[in-house]
Amino acid sequence: MPSRYVNSVMHLRYAIASTFTFAVAVVGLGPVAVAQSSQSSPIVQDITVIKRSEGEGLALGYADAFRYISRSSLFLTYQIKGQKVVTLEGFRELKASGSILVITTERGAIIAIPAVDVISLTTERPAGLP
């Protein structure tokens, strides 16, 4: 079922935003519930909230998806400076470095792409490609 792994940028952004909102709500309300349940003295805890940028969250999501998608026919389409659309195929590694995707092609070339410029990562050949 290759089409299950087709990632839409909007869907991924929504999932990241939903997860972040839920995590902040749980982390933020946890101490209030603990403090109200103990009548004698409030419990003081250090809380760390890590807020990732949109690009970093997208890069991590694409890198995670890459681990589960068959590499035999994988296409990454992105837009350069909001104008030219490019599709890559034939790559063996995709890693996230901050908000940048670092892609290693089958020939060994290394390409760095801002994750926010990615249009899709799919196993289906995009229309218009030979």
Foldseek 3Di string as FASTA:
>chain_A
DQVVLKDALVVQLVVVVVVLVVVCVCQVCVQVVQQVVDPPGRDDDDDDRDDADSLQSLLVVVQVSVVVHDLPAKWWWFDDPPHDIDIDHAWDHWHGDRSWIWTAHPVGDIDIDRSVRIRIIGRDDDPPDD
